[in-house]
Amino acid sequence: MGERIGVSDEEWALIGPLLPPEHGRGCRPAGDNRRYFEGMIWMARSGAQWRLLPDDYGKWNSVFRRYRR
């Protein structure tokens, strides 16, 4: 489960425009959609609990909230 799961640049060129743009909340800037998307893919492929999401994808709670939206 330690292997990073991601999408290629060509795949992201197709997927990225389909996702809604993210705006910062208060004083924090918005995170990168690609990083959060890859975290969601990791969750789907691994079947792990959200709290076990590797730090490479950002904070688990941030990825979860973006997934819920």
Protein backbone atom coordinates (compact mmCIF):
# COMPACT_ATOMS: atom_id res chain seq x y z
CA MET A 1 0.00 0.00 0.00
CA GLY A 2 3.01 2.32 0.09
CA GLU A 3 3.13 2.77 -3.69
CA ARG A 4 1.98 6.14 -5.02
CA ILE A 5 -1.06 5.89 -7.29
CA GLY A 6 -1.51 8.66 -9.80
CA VAL A 7 -2.60 9.63 -13.27
CA SER A 8 -0.38 10.54 -16.21
CA ASP A 9 -0.25 14.05 -17.62
CA GLU A 10 -2.25 12.91 -20.66
CA GLU A 11 -4.96 11.42 -18.44
CA TRP A 12 -5.06 14.53 -16.28
CA ALA A 13 -5.46 16.72 -19.39
CA LEU A 14 -8.76 14.88 -19.98
CA ILE A 15 -9.95 14.61 -16.37
CA GLY A 16 -8.86 17.97 -14.92
CA PRO A 17 -11.23 20.22 -16.90
CA LEU A 18 -14.21 18.07 -15.83
CA LEU A 19 -13.68 18.82 -12.12
CA PRO A 20 -15.14 22.00 -10.65
CA PRO A 21 -12.57 24.68 -9.80
CA GLU A 22 -11.75 24.88 -6.13
CA HIS A 23 -11.58 28.20 -4.30
CA GLY A 24 -9.66 28.88 -1.10
CA ARG A 25 -11.51 28.85 2.18
CA GLY A 26 -10.90 31.98 4.24
CA CYS A 27 -7.19 32.67 4.51
CA ARG A 28 -6.10 29.29 3.09
CA PRO A 29 -5.49 28.91 -0.65
CA ALA A 30 -7.13 26.04 -2.52
CA GLY A 31 -5.13 22.85 -2.89
CA ASP A 32 -4.28 21.18 -6.16
CA ASN A 33 -7.22 19.24 -7.65
CA ARG A 34 -4.89 16.62 -9.11
CA ARG A 35 -3.35 15.76 -5.75
CA TYR A 36 -6.76 15.33 -4.12
CA PHE A 37 -8.06 13.33 -7.08
CA GLU A 38 -5.10 10.96 -6.83
CA GLY A 39 -5.80 10.57 -3.11
CA MET A 40 -9.38 9.56 -3.92
CA ILE A 41 -8.09 7.04 -6.47
CA TRP A 42 -5.72 5.65 -3.83
CA MET A 43 -8.63 5.20 -1.45
CA ALA A 44 -10.73 3.43 -4.08
CA ARG A 45 -7.92 1.06 -5.03
CA SER A 46 -6.65 0.30 -1.53
CA GLY A 47 -9.93 0.03 0.35
CA ALA A 48 -8.20 1.51 3.41
CA GLN A 49 -9.71 3.81 6.01
CA TRP A 50 -9.52 7.53 5.28
CA ARG A 51 -7.17 8.10 8.23
CA LEU A 52 -4.60 5.77 6.61
CA LEU A 53 -4.26 7.95 3.50
CA PRO A 54 -0.54 8.64 2.90
CA ASP A 55 0.62 12.22 3.48
CA ASP A 56 1.64 12.44 -0.21
CA TYR A 57 -1.99 13.15 -1.05
CA GLY A 58 -2.59 15.81 1.60
CA LYS A 59 -4.43 15.67 4.90
CA TRP A 60 -6.92 12.81 4.95
CA ASN A 61 -9.73 15.05 6.18
CA SER A 62 -9.21 17.56 3.36
CA VAL A 63 -9.28 14.80 0.75
CA PHE A 64 -12.39 13.30 2.37
CA ARG A 65 -14.24 16.64 2.41
CA ARG A 66 -13.39 17.25 -1.24
CA TYR A 67 -14.57 13.69 -2.05
CA ARG A 68 -17.85 14.32 -0.23
CA ARG A 69 -18.46 17.54 -2.20
